[in-house]
Amino acid sequence: LYHKFCQRCSTPLPRRYLWAVGDGLSVGSPGDVLADRYLV
């Protein structure tokens, strides 16, 4: 996660942190992966 560029092909790695709008409800516990894609 701390790499800025792909270690194989040097493509920039965008870190897209997203805010989940859900009336303050927790989407999960830190470290969970949701929908096989989103890291909590």
PDB file of all heavy atoms in Angstrom:
ATOM      1  N   LEU A   1       0.809  -1.213   0.000  1.00  0.00           N
ATOM      2  CA  LEU A   1       0.000   0.000   0.000  1.00  0.00           C
ATOM      3  C   LEU A   1       0.844   1.266   0.000  1.00  0.00           C
ATOM      4  O   LEU A   1       0.433   2.293  -0.527  1.00  0.00           O
ATOM      5  CB  LEU A   1      -0.928  -0.007   1.222  1.00  0.00           C
ATOM      6  CG  LEU A   1      -1.984   1.086   1.303  1.00  0.00           C
ATOM      7  CD1 LEU A   1      -2.868   1.084   0.083  1.00  0.00           C
ATOM      8  CD2 LEU A   1      -2.814   0.922   2.563  1.00  0.00           C
ATOM      9  N   TYR A   2       2.032   1.204   0.571  1.00  0.00           N
ATOM     10  CA  TYR A   2       2.849   2.403   0.671  1.00  0.00           C
ATOM     11  C   TYR A   2       3.621   2.716  -0.610  1.00  0.00           C
ATOM     12  O   TYR A   2       4.287   3.743  -0.710  1.00  0.00           O
ATOM     13  CB  TYR A   2       3.827   2.293   1.842  1.00  0.00           C
ATOM     14  CG  TYR A   2       4.692   1.052   1.819  1.00  0.00           C
ATOM     15  CD1 TYR A   2       5.869   1.016   1.083  1.00  0.00           C
ATOM     16  CD2 TYR A   2       4.324  -0.081   2.541  1.00  0.00           C
ATOM     17  CE1 TYR A   2       6.658  -0.121   1.061  1.00  0.00           C
ATOM     18  CE2 TYR A   2       5.104  -1.228   2.528  1.00  0.00           C
ATOM     19  CZ  TYR A   2       6.274  -1.249   1.787  1.00  0.00           C
ATOM     20  OH  TYR A   2       7.046  -2.373   1.758  1.00  0.00           O
ATOM     21  N   HIS A   3       3.545   1.859  -1.630  1.00  0.00           N
ATOM     22  CA  HIS A   3       4.222   2.130  -2.901  1.00  0.00           C
ATOM     23  C   HIS A   3       3.433   3.157  -3.706  1.00  0.00           C
ATOM     24  O   HIS A   3       2.205   3.094  -3.794  1.00  0.00           O
ATOM     25  CB  HIS A   3       4.369   0.848  -3.721  1.00  0.00           C
ATOM     26  CG  HIS A   3       5.542   0.014  -3.310  1.00  0.00           C
ATOM     27  ND1 HIS A   3       6.144  -0.898  -4.148  1.00  0.00           N
ATOM     28  CD2 HIS A   3       6.226  -0.056  -2.148  1.00  0.00           C
ATOM     29  CE1 HIS A   3       7.141  -1.487  -3.516  1.00  0.00           C
ATOM     30  NE2 HIS A   3       7.212  -0.987  -2.291  1.00  0.00           N
ATOM     31  N   LYS A   4       4.133   4.095  -4.336  1.00  0.00           N
ATOM     32  CA  LYS A   4       3.489   5.079  -5.193  1.00  0.00           C
ATOM     33  C   LYS A   4       3.424   4.614  -6.640  1.00  0.00           C
ATOM     34  O   LYS A   4       2.595   5.097  -7.424  1.00  0.00           O
ATOM     35  CB  LYS A   4       4.230   6.418  -5.119  1.00  0.00           C
ATOM     36  CG  LYS A   4       4.207   7.079  -3.749  1.00  0.00           C
ATOM     37  CD  LYS A   4       4.897   8.432  -3.788  1.00  0.00           C
ATOM     38  CE  LYS A   4       4.981   9.069  -2.412  1.00  0.00           C
ATOM     39  NZ  LYS A   4       3.682   9.285  -1.794  1.00  0.00           N
ATOM     40  N   PHE A   5       4.309   3.675  -7.018  1.00  0.00           N
ATOM     41  CA  PHE A   5       4.346   3.165  -8.384  1.00  0.00           C
ATOM     42  C   PHE A   5       4.425   1.643  -8.348  1.00  0.00           C
ATOM     43  O   PHE A   5       4.992   1.063  -7.418  1.00  0.00           O
ATOM     44  CB  PHE A   5       5.549   3.737  -9.149  1.00  0.00           C
ATOM     45  CG  PHE A   5       5.534   5.236  -9.265  1.00  0.00           C
ATOM     46  CD1 PHE A   5       6.156   6.025  -8.299  1.00  0.00           C
ATOM     47  CD2 PHE A   5       4.900   5.863 -10.314  1.00  0.00           C
ATOM     48  CE1 PHE A   5       6.143   7.400  -8.385  1.00  0.00           C
ATOM     49  CE2 PHE A   5       4.879   7.244 -10.421  1.00  0.00           C
ATOM     50  CZ  PHE A   5       5.497   8.013  -9.453  1.00  0.00           C
ATOM     51  N   CYS A   6       3.849   1.025  -9.365  1.00  0.00           N
ATOM     52  CA  CYS A   6       3.843  -0.438  -9.427  1.00  0.00           C
ATOM     53  C   CYS A   6       5.275  -0.962  -9.480  1.00  0.00           C
ATOM     54  O   CYS A   6       6.083  -0.505 -10.287  1.00  0.00           O
ATOM     55  CB  CYS A   6       3.058  -0.897 -10.658  1.00  0.00           C
ATOM     56  SG  CYS A   6       3.048  -2.696 -10.875  1.00  0.00           S
ATOM     57  N   GLN A   7       5.577  -1.927  -8.623  1.00  0.00           N
ATOM     58  CA  GLN A   7       6.932  -2.467  -8.560  1.00  0.00           C
ATOM     59  C   GLN A   7       7.273  -3.318  -9.768  1.00  0.00           C
ATOM     60  O   GLN A   7       8.439  -3.613 -10.011  1.00  0.00           O
ATOM     61  CB  GLN A   7       7.102  -3.294  -7.280  1.00  0.00           C
ATOM     62  CG  GLN A   7       6.094  -4.403  -7.127  1.00  0.00           C
ATOM     63  CD  GLN A   7       6.113  -5.028  -5.739  1.00  0.00           C
ATOM     64  OE1 GLN A   7       6.947  -4.695  -4.904  1.00  0.00           O
ATOM     65  NE2 GLN A   7       5.192  -5.944  -5.487  1.00  0.00           N
ATOM     66  N   ARG A   8       6.255  -3.663 -10.584  1.00  0.00           N
ATOM     67  CA  ARG A   8       6.512  -4.470 -11.777  1.00  0.00           C
ATOM     68  C   ARG A   8       6.592  -3.610 -13.036  1.00  0.00           C
ATOM     69  O   ARG A   8       7.506  -3.789 -13.853  1.00  0.00           O
ATOM     70  CB  ARG A   8       5.424  -5.527 -11.956  1.00  0.00           C
ATOM     71  CG  ARG A   8       5.612  -6.392 -13.214  1.00  0.00           C
ATOM     72  CD  ARG A   8       4.451  -7.354 -13.421  1.00  0.00           C
ATOM     73  NE  ARG A   8       4.359  -8.328 -12.337  1.00  0.00           N
ATOM     74  CZ  ARG A   8       3.362  -9.203 -12.223  1.00  0.00           C
ATOM     75  NH1 ARG A   8       2.371  -9.208 -13.117  1.00  0.00           N
ATOM     76  NH2 ARG A   8       3.346 -10.056 -11.207  1.00  0.00           N
ATOM     77  N   CYS A   9       5.658  -2.670 -13.226  1.00  0.00           N
ATOM     78  CA  CYS A   9       5.610  -1.925 -14.493  1.00  0.00           C
ATOM     79  C   CYS A   9       5.745  -0.416 -14.320  1.00  0.00           C
ATOM     80  O   CYS A   9       5.680   0.325 -15.310  1.00  0.00           O
ATOM     81  CB  CYS A   9       4.323  -2.240 -15.248  1.00  0.00           C
ATOM     82  SG  CYS A   9       2.829  -1.565 -14.472  1.00  0.00           S
ATOM     83  N   SER A  10       5.899   0.072 -13.087  1.00  0.00           N
ATOM     84  CA  SER A  10       6.104   1.496 -12.777  1.00  0.00           C
ATOM     85  C   SER A  10       4.889   2.370 -13.052  1.00  0.00           C
ATOM     86  O   SER A  10       5.001   3.600 -13.082  1.00  0.00           O
ATOM     87  CB  SER A  10       7.315   2.051 -13.551  1.00  0.00           C
ATOM     88  OG  SER A  10       8.487   1.367 -13.196  1.00  0.00           O
ATOM     89  N   THR A  11       3.716   1.780 -13.231  1.00  0.00           N
ATOM     90  CA  THR A  11       2.495   2.563 -13.387  1.00  0.00           C
ATOM     91  C   THR A  11       2.145   3.227 -12.053  1.00  0.00           C
ATOM     92  O   THR A  11       2.247   2.586 -11.008  1.00  0.00           O
ATOM     93  CB  THR A  11       1.331   1.661 -13.840  1.00  0.00           C
ATOM     94  OG1 THR A  11       1.635   1.124 -15.118  1.00  0.00           O
ATOM     95  CG2 THR A  11       0.018   2.436 -13.915  1.00  0.00           C
ATOM     96  N   PRO A  12       1.737   4.500 -12.057  1.00  0.00           N
ATOM     97  CA  PRO A  12       1.332   5.143 -10.793  1.00  0.00           C
ATOM     98  C   PRO A  12       0.195   4.376 -10.124  1.00  0.00           C
ATOM     99  O   PRO A  12      -0.725   3.881 -10.794  1.00  0.00           O
ATOM    100  CB  PRO A  12       0.877   6.533 -11.233  1.00  0.00           C
ATOM    101  CG  PRO A  12       1.601   6.789 -12.512  1.00  0.00           C
ATOM    102  CD  PRO A  12       1.690   5.452 -13.188  1.00  0.00           C
ATOM    103  N   LEU A  13       0.256   4.290  -8.797  1.00  0.00           N
ATOM    104  CA  LEU A  13      -0.767   3.578  -8.032  1.00  0.00           C
ATOM    105  C   LEU A  13      -1.640   4.587  -7.289  1.00  0.00           C
ATOM    106  O   LEU A  13      -1.236   5.116  -6.249  1.00  0.00           O
ATOM    107  CB  LEU A  13      -0.109   2.624  -7.026  1.00  0.00           C
ATOM    108  CG  LEU A  13       0.748   1.502  -7.617  1.00  0.00           C
ATOM    109  CD1 LEU A  13       1.485   0.765  -6.498  1.00  0.00           C
ATOM    110  CD2 LEU A  13      -0.098   0.534  -8.423  1.00  0.00           C
ATOM    111  N   PRO A  14      -2.809   4.907  -7.807  1.00  0.00           N
ATOM    112  CA  PRO A  14      -3.675   5.862  -7.110  1.00  0.00           C
ATOM    113  C   PRO A  14      -4.245   5.257  -5.832  1.00  0.00           C
ATOM    114  O   PRO A  14      -4.720   4.118  -5.813  1.00  0.00           O
ATOM    115  CB  PRO A  14      -4.791   6.141  -8.131  1.00  0.00           C
ATOM    116  CG  PRO A  14      -4.818   4.937  -9.013  1.00  0.00           C
ATOM    117  CD  PRO A  14      -3.415   4.423  -9.070  1.00  0.00           C
ATOM    118  N   ARG A  15      -4.161   6.031  -4.743  1.00  0.00           N
ATOM    119  CA  ARG A  15      -4.757   5.593  -3.474  1.00  0.00           C
ATOM    120  C   ARG A  15      -6.060   6.358  -3.285  1.00  0.00           C
ATOM    121  O   ARG A  15      -6.047   7.535  -2.933  1.00  0.00           O
ATOM    122  CB  ARG A  15      -3.791   5.826  -2.312  1.00  0.00           C
ATOM    123  CG  ARG A  15      -2.586   4.905  -2.362  1.00  0.00           C
ATOM    124  CD  ARG A  15      -1.788   4.940  -1.083  1.00  0.00           C
ATOM    125  NE  ARG A  15      -1.097   6.213  -0.876  1.00  0.00           N
ATOM    126  CZ  ARG A  15      -0.205   6.420   0.088  1.00  0.00           C
ATOM    127  NH1 ARG A  15       0.112   5.451   0.916  1.00  0.00           N
ATOM    128  NH2 ARG A  15       0.368   7.597   0.216  1.00  0.00           N
ATOM    129  N   ARG A  16      -7.161   5.698  -3.544  1.00  0.00           N
ATOM    130  CA  ARG A  16      -8.471   6.338  -3.502  1.00  0.00           C
ATOM    131  C   ARG A  16      -9.190   5.962  -2.217  1.00  0.00           C
ATOM    132  O   ARG A  16      -9.784   4.885  -2.106  1.00  0.00           O
ATOM    133  CB  ARG A  16      -9.292   5.946  -4.736  1.00  0.00           C
ATOM    134  CG  ARG A  16      -8.700   6.515  -6.027  1.00  0.00           C
ATOM    135  CD  ARG A  16      -9.465   6.115  -7.248  1.00  0.00           C
ATOM    136  NE  ARG A  16      -8.817   6.639  -8.444  1.00  0.00           N
ATOM    137  CZ  ARG A  16      -8.923   6.109  -9.648  1.00  0.00           C
ATOM    138  NH1 ARG A  16      -9.674   5.032  -9.826  1.00  0.00           N
ATOM    139  NH2 ARG A  16      -8.307   6.647 -10.686  1.00  0.00           N
ATOM    140  N   TYR A  17      -9.082   6.859  -1.254  1.00  0.00           N
ATOM    141  CA  TYR A  17      -9.799   6.698   0.001  1.00  0.00           C
ATOM    142  C   TYR A  17     -11.197   7.282  -0.178  1.00  0.00           C
ATOM    143  O   TYR A  17     -11.358   8.392  -0.699  1.00  0.00           O
ATOM    144  CB  TYR A  17      -9.059   7.406   1.135  1.00  0.00           C
ATOM    145  CG  TYR A  17      -7.714   6.792   1.424  1.00  0.00           C
ATOM    146  CD1 TYR A  17      -6.549   7.308   0.856  1.00  0.00           C
ATOM    147  CD2 TYR A  17      -7.609   5.679   2.253  1.00  0.00           C
ATOM    148  CE1 TYR A  17      -5.316   6.737   1.117  1.00  0.00           C
ATOM    149  CE2 TYR A  17      -6.378   5.109   2.530  1.00  0.00           C
ATOM    150  CZ  TYR A  17      -5.240   5.638   1.953  1.00  0.00           C
ATOM    151  OH  TYR A  17      -4.021   5.065   2.215  1.00  0.00           O
ATOM    152  N   LEU A  18     -12.185   6.542   0.259  1.00  0.00           N
ATOM    153  CA  LEU A  18     -13.576   6.896   0.013  1.00  0.00           C
ATOM    154  C   LEU A  18     -14.332   7.013   1.327  1.00  0.00           C
ATOM    155  O   LEU A  18     -14.094   6.244   2.268  1.00  0.00           O
ATOM    156  CB  LEU A  18     -14.241   5.839  -0.887  1.00  0.00           C
ATOM    157  CG  LEU A  18     -13.465   5.472  -2.163  1.00  0.00           C
ATOM    158  CD1 LEU A  18     -14.081   4.246  -2.822  1.00  0.00           C
ATOM    159  CD2 LEU A  18     -13.433   6.643  -3.138  1.00  0.00           C
ATOM    160  N   TRP A  19     -15.242   7.969   1.364  1.00  0.00           N
ATOM    161  CA  TRP A  19     -16.083   8.164   2.537  1.00  0.00           C
ATOM    162  C   TRP A  19     -17.412   7.460   2.303  1.00  0.00           C
ATOM    163  O   TRP A  19     -18.092   7.718   1.314  1.00  0.00           O
ATOM    164  CB  TRP A  19     -16.301   9.647   2.801  1.00  0.00           C
ATOM    165  CG  TRP A  19     -17.187   9.950   3.974  1.00  0.00           C
ATOM    166  CD1 TRP A  19     -18.469  10.375   3.946  1.00  0.00           C
ATOM    167  CD2 TRP A  19     -16.835   9.828   5.362  1.00  0.00           C
ATOM    168  NE1 TRP A  19     -18.961  10.541   5.219  1.00  0.00           N
ATOM    169  CE2 TRP A  19     -17.965  10.213   6.114  1.00  0.00           C
ATOM    170  CE3 TRP A  19     -15.684   9.439   6.037  1.00  0.00           C
ATOM    171  CZ2 TRP A  19     -17.975  10.219   7.506  1.00  0.00           C
ATOM    172  CZ3 TRP A  19     -15.697   9.445   7.424  1.00  0.00           C
ATOM    173  CH2 TRP A  19     -16.825   9.833   8.142  1.00  0.00           C
ATOM    174  N   ALA A  20     -17.765   6.551   3.186  1.00  0.00           N
ATOM    175  CA  ALA A  20     -19.009   5.791   3.061  1.00  0.00           C
ATOM    176  C   ALA A  20     -20.135   6.530   3.768  1.00  0.00           C
ATOM    177  O   ALA A  20     -20.084   6.735   4.983  1.00  0.00           O
ATOM    178  CB  ALA A  20     -18.835   4.388   3.647  1.00  0.00           C
ATOM    179  N   VAL A  21     -21.138   6.954   3.018  1.00  0.00           N
ATOM    180  CA  VAL A  21     -22.275   7.689   3.566  1.00  0.00           C
ATOM    181  C   VAL A  21     -23.317   6.685   4.032  1.00  0.00           C
ATOM    182  O   VAL A  21     -23.951   6.004   3.214  1.00  0.00           O
ATOM    183  CB  VAL A  21     -22.882   8.648   2.529  1.00  0.00           C
ATOM    184  CG1 VAL A  21     -24.080   9.391   3.113  1.00  0.00           C
ATOM    185  CG2 VAL A  21     -21.826   9.632   2.041  1.00  0.00           C
ATOM    186  N   GLY A  22     -23.495   6.582   5.340  1.00  0.00           N
ATOM    187  CA  GLY A  22     -24.451   5.607   5.847  1.00  0.00           C
ATOM    188  C   GLY A  22     -24.984   5.948   7.210  1.00  0.00           C
ATOM    189  O   GLY A  22     -25.112   5.073   8.066  1.00  0.00           O
ATOM    190  N   ASP A  23     -25.268   7.224   7.456  1.00  0.00           N
ATOM    191  CA  ASP A  23     -25.849   7.663   8.727  1.00  0.00           C
ATOM    192  C   ASP A  23     -25.001   7.244   9.924  1.00  0.00           C
ATOM    193  O   ASP A  23     -25.516   6.866  10.978  1.00  0.00           O
ATOM    194  CB  ASP A  23     -27.274   7.120   8.894  1.00  0.00           C
ATOM    195  CG  ASP A  23     -28.217   7.659   7.832  1.00  0.00           C
ATOM    196  OD1 ASP A  23     -28.023   8.832   7.438  1.00  0.00           O
ATOM    197  OD2 ASP A  23     -29.109   6.935   7.407  1.00  0.00           O
ATOM    198  N   GLY A  24     -23.674   7.275   9.754  1.00  0.00           N
ATOM    199  CA  GLY A  24     -22.779   6.974  10.857  1.00  0.00           C
ATOM    200  C   GLY A  24     -22.614   5.497  11.162  1.00  0.00           C
ATOM    201  O   GLY A  24     -21.901   5.130  12.089  1.00  0.00           O
ATOM    202  N   LEU A  25     -23.281   4.641  10.390  1.00  0.00           N
ATOM    203  CA  LEU A  25     -23.163   3.208  10.637  1.00  0.00           C
ATOM    204  C   LEU A  25     -21.819   2.703  10.137  1.00  0.00           C
ATOM    205  O   LEU A  25     -21.342   3.101   9.086  1.00  0.00           O
ATOM    206  CB  LEU A  25     -24.297   2.463   9.935  1.00  0.00           C
ATOM    207  CG  LEU A  25     -25.722   2.805  10.401  1.00  0.00           C
ATOM    208  CD1 LEU A  25     -26.747   2.042   9.568  1.00  0.00           C
ATOM    209  CD2 LEU A  25     -25.889   2.468  11.882  1.00  0.00           C
ATOM    210  N   SER A  26     -21.213   1.811  10.866  1.00  0.00           N
ATOM    211  CA  SER A  26     -19.932   1.246  10.474  1.00  0.00           C
ATOM    212  C   SER A  26     -20.122   0.275   9.326  1.00  0.00           C
ATOM    213  O   SER A  26     -21.060  -0.525   9.313  1.00  0.00           O
ATOM    214  CB  SER A  26     -19.284   0.540  11.664  1.00  0.00           C
ATOM    215  OG  SER A  26     -18.088  -0.101  11.270  1.00  0.00           O
ATOM    216  N   VAL A  27     -19.221   0.363   8.328  1.00  0.00           N
ATOM    217  CA  VAL A  27     -19.308  -0.561   7.196  1.00  0.00           C
ATOM    218  C   VAL A  27     -18.562  -1.858   7.489  1.00  0.00           C
ATOM    219  O   VAL A  27     -18.690  -2.828   6.725  1.00  0.00           O
ATOM    220  CB  VAL A  27     -18.744   0.091   5.920  1.00  0.00           C
ATOM    221  CG1 VAL A  27     -19.597   1.269   5.494  1.00  0.00           C
ATOM    222  CG2 VAL A  27     -17.286   0.517   6.107  1.00  0.00           C
ATOM    223  N   GLY A  28     -17.783  -1.880   8.545  1.00  0.00           N
ATOM    224  CA  GLY A  28     -17.041  -3.084   8.873  1.00  0.00           C
ATOM    225  C   GLY A  28     -15.911  -2.774   9.826  1.00  0.00           C
ATOM    226  O   GLY A  28     -15.735  -1.642  10.280  1.00  0.00           O
ATOM    227  N   SER A  29     -15.131  -3.779  10.114  1.00  0.00           N
ATOM    228  CA  SER A  29     -13.993  -3.613  11.018  1.00  0.00           C
ATOM    229  C   SER A  29     -12.729  -3.341  10.211  1.00  0.00           C
ATOM    230  O   SER A  29     -12.585  -3.843   9.084  1.00  0.00           O
ATOM    231  CB  SER A  29     -13.797  -4.877  11.857  1.00  0.00           C
ATOM    232  OG  SER A  29     -14.967  -5.154  12.618  1.00  0.00           O
ATOM    233  N   PRO A  30     -11.788  -2.542  10.748  1.00  0.00           N
ATOM    234  CA  PRO A  30     -10.540  -2.278  10.037  1.00  0.00           C
ATOM    235  C   PRO A  30      -9.854  -3.568   9.615  1.00  0.00           C
ATOM    236  O   PRO A  30      -9.706  -4.501  10.408  1.00  0.00           O
ATOM    237  CB  PRO A  30      -9.703  -1.507  11.069  1.00  0.00           C
ATOM    238  CG  PRO A  30     -10.722  -0.827  11.928  1.00  0.00           C
ATOM    239  CD  PRO A  30     -11.864  -1.797  12.030  1.00  0.00           C
ATOM    240  N   GLY A  31      -9.457  -3.606   8.361  1.00  0.00           N
ATOM    241  CA  GLY A  31      -8.823  -4.798   7.813  1.00  0.00           C
ATOM    242  C   GLY A  31      -9.754  -5.670   7.008  1.00  0.00           C
ATOM    243  O   GLY A  31      -9.294  -6.513   6.223  1.00  0.00           O
ATOM    244  N   ASP A  32     -11.074  -5.485   7.157  1.00  0.00           N
ATOM    245  CA  ASP A  32     -12.028  -6.239   6.350  1.00  0.00           C
ATOM    246  C   ASP A  32     -11.938  -5.807   4.890  1.00  0.00           C
ATOM    247  O   ASP A  32     -11.636  -4.655   4.576  1.00  0.00           O
ATOM    248  CB  ASP A  32     -13.457  -6.019   6.844  1.00  0.00           C
ATOM    249  CG  ASP A  32     -13.714  -6.647   8.202  1.00  0.00           C
ATOM    250  OD1 ASP A  32     -12.854  -7.440   8.654  1.00  0.00           O
ATOM    251  OD2 ASP A  32     -14.762  -6.338   8.803  1.00  0.00           O
ATOM    252  N   VAL A  33     -12.224  -6.753   4.005  1.00  0.00           N
ATOM    253  CA  VAL A  33     -12.315  -6.447   2.578  1.00  0.00           C
ATOM    254  C   VAL A  33     -13.752  -6.678   2.153  1.00  0.00           C
ATOM    255  O   VAL A  33     -14.291  -7.778   2.306  1.00  0.00           O
ATOM    256  CB  VAL A  33     -11.353  -7.310   1.737  1.00  0.00           C
ATOM    257  CG1 VAL A  33     -11.548  -7.025   0.252  1.00  0.00           C
ATOM    258  CG2 VAL A  33      -9.906  -7.041   2.141  1.00  0.00           C
ATOM    259  N   LEU A  34     -14.372  -5.650   1.615  1.00  0.00           N
ATOM    260  CA  LEU A  34     -15.775  -5.702   1.220  1.00  0.00           C
ATOM    261  C   LEU A  34     -15.895  -5.802  -0.290  1.00  0.00           C
ATOM    262  O   LEU A  34     -15.159  -5.129  -1.028  1.00  0.00           O
ATOM    263  CB  LEU A  34     -16.505  -4.452   1.717  1.00  0.00           C
ATOM    264  CG  LEU A  34     -16.350  -4.124   3.214  1.00  0.00           C
ATOM    265  CD1 LEU A  34     -17.047  -2.817   3.537  1.00  0.00           C
ATOM    266  CD2 LEU A  34     -16.904  -5.262   4.062  1.00  0.00           C
ATOM    267  N   ALA A  35     -16.829  -6.644  -0.722  1.00  0.00           N
ATOM    268  CA  ALA A  35     -17.091  -6.850  -2.152  1.00  0.00           C
ATOM    269  C   ALA A  35     -15.818  -7.228  -2.903  1.00  0.00           C
ATOM    270  O   ALA A  35     -15.656  -6.895  -4.081  1.00  0.00           O
ATOM    271  CB  ALA A  35     -17.719  -5.596  -2.763  1.00  0.00           C
ATOM    272  N   ASP A  36     -14.901  -7.924  -2.209  1.00  0.00           N
ATOM    273  CA  ASP A  36     -13.638  -8.374  -2.790  1.00  0.00           C
ATOM    274  C   ASP A  36     -12.841  -7.212  -3.380  1.00  0.00           C
ATOM    275  O   ASP A  36     -12.080  -7.382  -4.329  1.00  0.00           O
ATOM    276  CB  ASP A  36     -13.890  -9.420  -3.880  1.00  0.00           C
ATOM    277  CG  ASP A  36     -12.607 -10.147  -4.289  1.00  0.00           C
ATOM    278  OD1 ASP A  36     -11.729 -10.321  -3.421  1.00  0.00           O
ATOM    279  OD2 ASP A  36     -12.473 -10.498  -5.475  1.00  0.00           O
ATOM    280  N   ARG A  37     -13.020  -6.026  -2.783  1.00  0.00           N
ATOM    281  CA  ARG A  37     -12.396  -4.851  -3.398  1.00  0.00           C
ATOM    282  C   ARG A  37     -12.025  -3.763  -2.400  1.00  0.00           C
ATOM    283  O   ARG A  37     -10.923  -3.230  -2.449  1.00  0.00           O
ATOM    284  CB  ARG A  37     -13.346  -4.285  -4.453  1.00  0.00           C
ATOM    285  CG  ARG A  37     -12.871  -3.006  -5.117  1.00  0.00           C
ATOM    286  CD  ARG A  37     -13.730  -2.619  -6.283  1.00  0.00           C
ATOM    287  NE  ARG A  37     -13.225  -1.450  -6.971  1.00  0.00           N
ATOM    288  CZ  ARG A  37     -13.704  -0.983  -8.122  1.00  0.00           C
ATOM    289  NH1 ARG A  37     -14.719  -1.608  -8.701  1.00  0.00           N
ATOM    290  NH2 ARG A  37     -13.183   0.086  -8.687  1.00  0.00           N
ATOM    291  N   TYR A  38     -12.922  -3.432  -1.493  1.00  0.00           N
ATOM    292  CA  TYR A  38     -12.753  -2.255  -0.647  1.00  0.00           C
ATOM    293  C   TYR A  38     -12.212  -2.646   0.724  1.00  0.00           C
ATOM    294  O   TYR A  38     -12.831  -3.423   1.454  1.00  0.00           O
ATOM    295  CB  TYR A  38     -14.078  -1.508  -0.503  1.00  0.00           C
ATOM    296  CG  TYR A  38     -14.605  -0.987  -1.823  1.00  0.00           C
ATOM    297  CD1 TYR A  38     -15.646  -1.644  -2.481  1.00  0.00           C
ATOM    298  CD2 TYR A  38     -14.040   0.147  -2.411  1.00  0.00           C
ATOM    299  CE1 TYR A  38     -16.123  -1.171  -3.695  1.00  0.00           C
ATOM    300  CE2 TYR A  38     -14.518   0.621  -3.623  1.00  0.00           C
ATOM    301  CZ  TYR A  38     -15.556  -0.043  -4.262  1.00  0.00           C
ATOM    302  OH  TYR A  38     -16.026   0.427  -5.467  1.00  0.00           O
ATOM    303  N   LEU A  39     -11.040  -2.110   1.059  1.00  0.00           N
ATOM    304  CA  LEU A  39     -10.403  -2.365   2.337  1.00  0.00           C
ATOM    305  C   LEU A  39     -10.925  -1.367   3.364  1.00  0.00           C
ATOM    306  O   LEU A  39     -10.844  -0.149   3.161  1.00  0.00           O
ATOM    307  CB  LEU A  39      -8.880  -2.225   2.203  1.00  0.00           C
ATOM    308  CG  LEU A  39      -8.066  -2.308   3.496  1.00  0.00           C
ATOM    309  CD1 LEU A  39      -8.160  -3.699   4.115  1.00  0.00           C
ATOM    310  CD2 LEU A  39      -6.605  -1.926   3.227  1.00  0.00           C
ATOM    311  N   VAL A  40     -11.465  -1.864   4.472  1.00  0.00           N
ATOM    312  CA  VAL A  40     -11.974  -0.991   5.519  1.00  0.00           C
ATOM    313  C   VAL A  40     -10.798  -0.425   6.313  1.00  0.00           C
ATOM    314  O   VAL A  40     -10.000  -1.167   6.887  1.00  0.00           O
ATOM    315  CB  VAL A  40     -12.933  -1.752   6.461  1.00  0.00           C
ATOM    316  CG1 VAL A  40     -13.400  -0.830   7.589  1.00  0.00           C
ATOM    317  CG2 VAL A  40     -14.128  -2.298   5.685  1.00  0.00           C
TER     318      VAL A  40
END
